[in-house]
Amino acid sequence: MNPILLEFPGEFETDRLLIRMPLPGDGAVTCESINASLKELKPWMPFAQKEQTVEETEVVIRQGHLNFLNRTDLRLLVFKKDTGEFVASSGLHRINWDVPKFEIGYWIDTRYSGKGYMTEAVKGITDFAVKELKGRRVEIRCDSLNRKSRAIPERLGFSLDGILKNDSISVEGDLRDTCIYSKTF
């Protein structure tokens, strides 16, 4: 079946969070969050090397919306349920619908870091991938030096499948190792 025909919800909830596909108009809140978190995101995220504009971010959000609809990439935005405040960006990427398998990527607004929101979101997204999308494998890949990113799959019981040596280039241009964590179902 062509994945564009798959029916599944565009949003779901966890205890404290609303997690949903990006919608046109989400660029402003996402941009503000990126810019508030540049210092912490800069070592790990290529997009965080400079301050973002609302227009640049809105383009990315709208592309994410289209990708979600055509099922090529499922970007997800994370909000606090009680206040509607934007907390993080995540999603299911590098999708192989034949397996099906997904890779979860994420970044959090620094102002919400250390409160368990990202761990809660990743658990919710993993559950969504398995229950709604019939996922058989969920991966998280991250820089081996990014201790905060590595802590999330470790906390959630993902297995460290391996470390790919000299697998990627850091934002500074150095070779880096990539950790691959997974859960299979």
Protein backbone atom coordinates (compact mmCIF):
# COMPACT_ATOMS: atom_id res chain seq x y z
CA MET A 1 0.00 0.00 0.00
CA ASN A 2 1.19 3.48 -0.77
CA PRO A 3 1.90 5.17 2.61
CA ILE A 4 -0.03 8.28 1.57
CA LEU A 5 -3.18 6.15 1.97
CA LEU A 6 -2.43 5.29 5.60
CA GLU A 7 -4.91 6.73 8.06
CA PHE A 8 -3.64 7.71 11.50
CA PRO A 9 -4.16 10.63 13.87
CA GLY A 10 -2.26 13.88 13.45
CA GLU A 11 -2.04 14.35 17.21
CA PHE A 12 -1.98 12.42 20.46
CA GLU A 13 -1.43 13.08 24.16
CA THR A 14 0.74 11.86 27.01
CA ASP A 15 0.23 12.71 30.67
CA ARG A 16 1.48 16.30 30.33
CA LEU A 17 1.92 16.82 26.61
CA LEU A 18 0.05 17.33 23.37
CA ILE A 19 2.10 16.04 20.44
CA ARG A 20 0.96 16.91 16.94
CA MET A 21 1.96 17.40 13.34
CA PRO A 22 3.21 20.88 12.44
CA LEU A 23 0.61 23.28 11.11
CA PRO A 24 0.97 26.44 9.03
CA GLY A 25 1.47 29.27 11.50
CA ASP A 26 3.65 27.26 13.92
CA GLY A 27 6.79 28.96 12.59
CA ALA A 28 6.72 31.88 15.02
CA VAL A 29 6.58 29.83 18.22
CA THR A 30 9.13 27.33 16.87
CA CYS A 31 11.47 30.14 15.80
CA GLU A 32 11.25 31.81 19.20
CA SER A 33 12.08 28.50 20.88
CA ILE A 34 15.08 27.84 18.62
CA ASN A 35 16.47 31.32 19.20
CA ALA A 36 15.99 31.03 22.97
CA SER A 37 17.94 27.75 22.90
CA LEU A 38 20.73 28.54 20.41
CA LYS A 39 23.54 28.21 22.94
CA GLU A 40 22.52 24.65 23.88
CA LEU A 41 21.52 23.55 20.38
CA LYS A 42 24.51 24.98 18.53
CA PRO A 43 27.00 22.16 19.31
CA TRP A 44 24.64 19.51 17.94
CA MET A 45 22.23 20.97 15.40
CA PRO A 46 23.30 22.38 12.01
CA PHE A 47 20.20 24.62 11.83
CA ALA A 48 21.17 26.29 15.13
CA GLN A 49 24.37 27.91 13.88
CA LYS A 50 22.67 31.26 13.51
CA GLU A 51 19.59 33.01 14.77
CA GLN A 52 16.51 31.97 12.80
CA THR A 53 13.90 34.23 11.25
CA VAL A 54 10.18 33.54 11.53
CA GLU A 55 9.97 33.28 7.75
CA GLU A 56 12.77 30.67 7.54
CA THR A 57 11.20 28.63 10.31
CA GLU A 58 7.70 28.91 8.83
CA VAL A 59 9.03 27.47 5.55
CA VAL A 60 10.45 24.48 7.46
CA ILE A 61 7.18 24.04 9.38
CA ARG A 62 5.08 24.11 6.22
CA GLN A 63 7.41 21.60 4.54
CA GLY A 64 7.06 19.43 7.66
CA HIS A 65 3.27 19.69 7.36
CA LEU A 66 3.39 18.57 3.71
CA ASN A 67 5.80 15.72 4.51
CA PHE A 68 3.48 14.54 7.30
CA LEU A 69 0.52 14.50 4.90
CA ASN A 70 2.44 12.60 2.22
CA ARG A 71 3.93 10.29 4.91
CA THR A 72 7.58 10.80 3.92
CA ASP A 73 8.61 12.29 7.29
CA LEU A 74 6.49 12.70 10.41
CA ARG A 75 7.69 15.82 12.19
CA LEU A 76 5.93 16.35 15.51
CA LEU A 77 5.68 19.42 17.72
CA VAL A 78 5.39 19.07 21.49
CA PHE A 79 3.25 21.37 23.65
CA LYS A 80 2.30 21.44 27.33
CA LYS A 81 -1.30 20.24 27.57
CA ASP A 82 -2.30 22.58 30.38
CA THR A 83 -0.92 25.84 28.95
CA GLY A 84 -0.34 25.21 25.23
CA GLU A 85 3.30 26.33 25.55
CA PHE A 86 5.69 25.00 22.89
CA VAL A 87 8.22 22.63 24.48
CA ALA A 88 10.08 20.72 21.78
CA SER A 89 10.32 19.46 18.24
CA SER A 90 10.60 15.77 17.47
CA GLY A 91 9.33 13.31 14.94
CA LEU A 92 9.66 10.03 13.12
CA HIS A 93 12.27 10.26 10.39
CA ARG A 94 14.13 7.99 7.93
CA ILE A 95 10.95 5.99 7.59
CA ASN A 96 10.94 2.57 5.98
CA TRP A 97 7.25 1.66 5.62
CA ASP A 98 8.11 -1.86 4.41
CA VAL A 99 9.45 -2.91 7.83
CA PRO A 100 7.99 -0.51 9.22
CA LYS A 101 10.78 1.30 11.07
CA PHE A 102 11.35 4.85 12.22
CA GLU A 103 14.06 7.04 13.68
CA ILE A 104 13.12 9.49 16.42
CA GLY A 105 14.91 12.81 16.40
CA TYR A 106 14.42 15.58 18.94
CA TRP A 107 15.46 18.90 20.42
CA ILE A 108 13.97 20.76 23.37
CA ASP A 109 13.49 24.40 24.24
CA THR A 110 16.15 25.05 26.89
CA ARG A 111 13.60 26.63 29.19
CA TYR A 112 11.90 23.22 29.55
CA SER A 113 15.02 21.07 29.77
CA GLY A 114 15.53 18.91 32.85
CA LYS A 115 11.82 18.47 33.61
CA GLY A 116 11.32 15.08 31.92
CA TYR A 117 9.33 16.47 28.99
CA MET A 118 11.61 15.09 26.28
CA THR A 119 11.69 11.63 27.84
CA GLU A 120 7.88 11.69 28.11
CA ALA A 121 7.57 12.86 24.50
CA VAL A 122 9.94 10.19 23.15
CA LYS A 123 8.07 7.48 25.06
CA GLY A 124 4.78 8.80 23.66
CA ILE A 125 6.18 8.95 20.13
CA THR A 126 7.55 5.41 20.45
CA ASP A 127 4.13 4.18 21.62
CA PHE A 128 2.48 6.05 18.71
CA ALA A 129 4.89 4.43 16.23
CA VAL A 130 4.11 0.97 17.54
CA LYS A 131 0.36 1.24 18.18
CA GLU A 132 -0.78 3.52 15.35
CA LEU A 133 1.87 2.87 12.69
CA LYS A 134 2.53 -0.81 13.45
CA GLY A 135 6.24 -0.08 13.91
CA ARG A 136 8.56 -3.03 14.35
CA ARG A 137 11.73 -1.03 14.98
CA VAL A 138 12.30 2.42 16.46
CA GLU A 139 15.79 3.93 16.44
CA ILE A 140 17.42 6.92 18.06
CA ARG A 141 20.74 8.07 16.63
CA CYS A 142 22.84 10.69 18.34
CA ASP A 143 26.38 11.99 18.65
CA SER A 144 28.32 9.86 21.11
CA LEU A 145 29.39 13.03 22.96
CA ASN A 146 25.84 14.31 23.44
CA ARG A 147 25.18 12.97 26.94
CA LYS A 148 21.73 14.59 27.27
CA SER A 149 20.52 13.03 24.01
CA ARG A 150 21.99 9.65 24.93
CA ALA A 151 20.31 9.69 28.36
CA ILE A 152 16.82 9.58 26.85
CA PRO A 153 17.00 6.21 25.03
CA GLU A 154 19.00 4.80 27.94
CA ARG A 155 16.29 5.92 30.38
CA LEU A 156 13.58 4.40 28.18
CA GLY A 157 15.21 0.98 27.83
CA PHE A 158 16.43 1.25 24.25
CA SER A 159 19.37 -1.05 23.46
CA LEU A 160 22.65 0.41 22.27
CA ASP A 161 23.06 -1.50 19.00
CA GLY A 162 26.45 -0.02 18.32
CA ILE A 163 28.59 3.03 17.80
CA LEU A 164 29.48 3.94 14.24
CA LYS A 165 33.01 5.35 14.29
CA ASN A 166 33.73 8.48 12.24
CA ASP A 167 30.15 8.37 10.96
CA SER A 168 29.31 12.05 10.88
CA ILE A 169 30.77 15.52 10.86
CA SER A 170 30.20 17.86 13.80
CA VAL A 171 29.07 21.43 13.26
CA GLU A 172 32.74 22.40 13.79
CA GLY A 173 33.81 20.04 10.97
CA ASP A 174 35.30 17.28 13.17
CA LEU A 175 34.63 13.59 12.62
CA ARG A 176 32.20 12.19 15.20
CA ASP A 177 30.89 8.83 16.28
CA THR A 178 27.16 8.05 16.15
CA CYS A 179 25.36 5.94 18.73
CA ILE A 180 22.47 3.82 17.45
CA TYR A 181 19.85 2.87 20.02
CA SER A 182 16.80 0.75 19.17
CA LYS A 183 13.70 -0.97 20.40
CA THR A 184 12.10 -3.76 18.40
CA PHE A 185 8.52 -4.99 18.58
